[in-house]
Protein backbone atom coordinates (compact mmCIF):
# COMPACT_ATOMS: atom_id res chain seq x y z
CA MET A 1 91.88 -47.07 170.08
CA ARG A 2 94.65 -45.12 171.79
CA LEU A 3 97.19 -47.64 170.60
CA SER A 4 95.98 -47.21 166.95
CA LEU A 5 96.18 -43.46 167.19
CA LEU A 6 99.69 -43.67 168.69
CA MET A 7 100.69 -46.10 165.80
CA LEU A 8 99.33 -43.66 163.28
CA ALA A 9 101.23 -40.71 164.98
CA VAL A 10 104.56 -42.69 164.77
CA LEU A 11 104.07 -43.96 161.22
CA ALA A 12 102.76 -40.78 159.63
CA PRO A 13 106.06 -39.02 159.29
CA ALA A 14 107.63 -42.06 157.56
CA MET A 15 104.90 -42.18 154.82
CA PRO A 16 105.68 -40.42 151.58
CA ALA A 17 104.14 -37.08 150.96
CA PHE A 18 102.01 -38.13 148.00
CA ALA A 19 100.36 -40.93 150.08
CA ALA A 20 98.48 -38.30 152.16
CA GLU A 21 97.08 -36.61 149.10
CA ALA A 22 93.97 -38.15 147.50
CA PRO A 23 93.90 -38.18 143.72
CA GLU A 24 91.36 -36.08 141.82
CA LEU A 25 90.16 -39.37 140.01
CA GLN A 26 89.35 -42.51 141.87
CA ARG A 27 89.74 -45.83 140.18
CA ALA A 28 89.85 -49.48 141.07
CA VAL A 29 93.00 -51.70 140.66
CA GLY A 30 93.30 -52.52 136.98
CA ALA A 31 93.17 -55.91 135.40
CA PRO A 32 96.29 -58.11 135.79
CA GLN A 33 98.50 -57.88 132.70
CA ALA A 34 100.75 -60.64 131.28
CA VAL A 35 104.50 -60.05 130.61
CA GLY A 36 104.95 -58.49 127.36
CA ALA A 37 101.31 -57.42 126.76
CA VAL A 38 101.20 -53.69 125.87
CA HIS A 39 98.17 -52.11 127.53
CA THR A 40 96.69 -48.63 127.77
CA LEU A 41 96.89 -47.20 131.24
CA ARG A 42 95.00 -44.00 130.64
CA GLN A 43 94.04 -41.62 127.86
CA ILE A 44 94.63 -37.98 128.21
CA PRO A 45 92.60 -36.32 125.37
CA GLU A 46 93.54 -32.70 126.05
CA ALA A 47 97.19 -33.62 125.57
CA CYS A 48 96.45 -35.92 122.60
CA ALA A 49 98.26 -38.61 124.49
CA ARG A 50 97.66 -42.02 125.95
CA LEU A 51 99.89 -43.79 128.63
CA GLU A 52 100.83 -47.35 127.49
CA GLY A 53 102.64 -49.87 129.69
CA ALA A 54 104.02 -53.45 129.70
CA PHE A 55 105.58 -55.79 132.11
CA THR A 56 109.03 -56.75 130.69
CA GLY A 57 109.89 -59.75 132.76
CA GLN A 58 113.35 -58.33 133.54
CA ALA A 59 114.56 -57.70 137.05
CA ALA A 60 116.35 -54.50 136.27
CA GLU A 61 113.28 -52.94 134.48
CA PRO A 62 110.23 -54.92 135.43
CA TYR A 63 107.64 -52.41 133.86
CA ARG A 64 108.01 -49.85 131.06
CA PHE A 65 105.63 -47.16 130.22
CA SER A 66 105.45 -44.14 127.87
CA ALA A 67 103.22 -41.40 126.62
CA VAL A 68 102.14 -42.10 122.98
CA ARG A 69 100.49 -39.50 120.69
CA THR A 70 96.98 -40.56 119.93
CA SER A 71 96.60 -38.99 116.42
CA GLU A 72 98.55 -36.74 114.09
CA GLN A 73 95.31 -34.60 113.52
CA CYS A 74 94.70 -34.00 117.20
CA GLN A 75 95.33 -30.49 118.32
CA PRO A 76 96.57 -30.61 121.89
CA ARG A 77 95.20 -28.09 124.58
CA ALA A 78 97.66 -29.47 127.16
CA ARG A 79 101.17 -30.78 127.28
CA PHE A 80 102.54 -34.03 128.62
CA VAL A 81 106.01 -33.28 130.15
CA ASP A 82 108.89 -35.33 131.67
CA TYR A 83 108.30 -36.01 135.27
CA SER A 84 111.99 -35.74 136.16
CA LYS A 85 112.32 -32.29 134.62
CA ALA A 86 108.89 -30.98 135.98
CA GLN A 87 109.30 -32.33 139.52
CA PRO A 88 105.63 -31.99 140.29
CA SER A 89 104.48 -31.36 143.84
CA ALA A 90 101.44 -29.82 145.51
CA ASP A 91 103.88 -26.99 146.66
CA LYS A 92 104.44 -26.02 143.07
CA GLY A 93 100.70 -26.02 142.19
CA TRP A 94 100.55 -29.46 140.82
CA LYS A 95 97.63 -31.75 141.68
CA LEU A 96 97.71 -35.53 141.96
CA ASN A 97 95.28 -36.38 139.26
CA ASP A 98 95.18 -40.16 139.15
CA VAL A 99 96.79 -43.20 140.60
CA ILE A 100 96.71 -46.27 138.26
CA ARG A 101 97.63 -49.65 139.75
CA VAL A 102 98.33 -52.67 137.44
CA PRO A 103 99.08 -56.05 138.80
CA ASN A 104 101.45 -58.47 137.23
CA ALA A 105 99.34 -61.53 136.08
CA GLY A 106 102.36 -63.88 136.41
CA CYS A 107 103.41 -62.45 139.77
CA PRO A 108 100.39 -61.23 141.81
CA ALA A 109 102.63 -59.79 144.56
CA GLN A 110 104.06 -57.19 142.11
CA GLN A 111 102.21 -54.30 140.72
CA ALA A 112 103.11 -51.21 138.71
CA VAL A 113 101.83 -47.88 140.07
CA VAL A 114 101.64 -44.94 137.86
CA ARG A 115 100.90 -41.53 139.40
CA VAL A 116 99.64 -38.83 137.02
CA TRP A 117 100.08 -35.24 138.08
CA ARG A 118 98.28 -32.18 136.52
CA LEU A 119 99.32 -28.44 136.65
CA PRO A 120 96.07 -26.63 135.91
CA VAL A 121 96.11 -23.25 134.29
CA ASN A 122 93.25 -20.80 134.09
CA ASN A 123 93.13 -19.57 130.45
CA ALA A 124 89.79 -17.98 130.38
CA GLN A 125 89.46 -16.32 126.97
CA ALA A 126 87.89 -12.96 126.62
CA LEU A 127 84.68 -13.16 124.57
CA ASP A 128 83.68 -10.62 121.92
CA GLY A 129 80.25 -8.93 121.52
CA GLN A 130 78.83 -12.16 119.83
CA GLY A 131 79.97 -14.34 122.72
CA GLN A 132 82.84 -15.86 120.72
CA SER A 133 86.48 -16.35 121.65
CA ARG A 134 88.64 -15.01 118.82
CA ILE A 135 92.30 -15.21 118.08
CA TYR A 136 93.71 -12.82 115.47
CA LEU A 137 96.81 -14.07 113.66
CA GLU A 138 98.78 -10.72 113.77
CA GLU A 139 98.13 -10.36 117.44
CA ALA A 140 99.21 -13.84 118.18
CA LYS A 141 102.35 -13.47 116.23
CA LYS A 142 103.17 -10.21 118.16
CA GLN A 143 102.49 -12.06 121.53
CA ALA A 144 104.66 -14.91 120.46
CA ALA A 145 107.48 -12.68 119.46
CA ALA A 146 107.22 -10.82 122.83
CA GLY A 147 107.43 -14.23 124.61
CA LYS A 148 103.84 -13.90 126.00
CA ILE A 149 102.53 -17.25 124.88
CA PRO A 150 99.67 -18.33 127.05
CA GLN A 151 100.37 -21.20 129.49
CA VAL A 152 98.63 -24.56 129.11
CA THR A 153 97.76 -27.28 131.53
CA MET A 154 100.59 -29.74 131.88
CA PHE A 155 100.57 -33.47 132.81
CA ALA A 156 103.41 -35.61 134.23
CA ALA A 157 103.54 -39.24 135.17
CA GLN A 158 105.71 -41.15 137.59
CA LEU A 159 106.19 -44.96 137.74
CA GLN A 160 106.90 -46.98 140.92
CA MET A 161 107.01 -50.75 141.49
CA GLU A 162 105.29 -52.10 144.59
CA GLY A 163 105.63 -55.53 146.00
CA LYS A 164 108.16 -58.24 145.57
CA ALA A 165 109.37 -59.60 142.25
CA CYS A 166 108.79 -63.27 141.55
CA ASN A 167 111.43 -65.67 140.14
């Protein structure tokens, strides 16, 4: 028991910061995917987006993923932003929302890990006497001209490969 606590104390500083944080959503490891098979990792309805990925079979870029708009008619209530520009972290108010693990069907030792981060925003709308939230066009135009556009929830995703590549 003492030895395991000592090992944990020694190894804890070497672990990445995101490993200590539990994601908001818990999910099992995904089904193994074949090389070249495009698959949906996750839907983010409030951002009108879905994350798609595929194993490429190339050593330089073994897995590729992207955010794809779900529908032209969808009106997003959140934004999906570039991970490298946003640099999400708990210190900046971001929450680790989801960790998606996808094994490579042709190489079980290798898996893609996508971490989805969420920056929540509290946009509680004031209700009128009828209990409705109303937006008036002229007021909204004035706010936009003044640079007072309300913030929306943001999402960002990061890809990492784990395990060894197969030949």
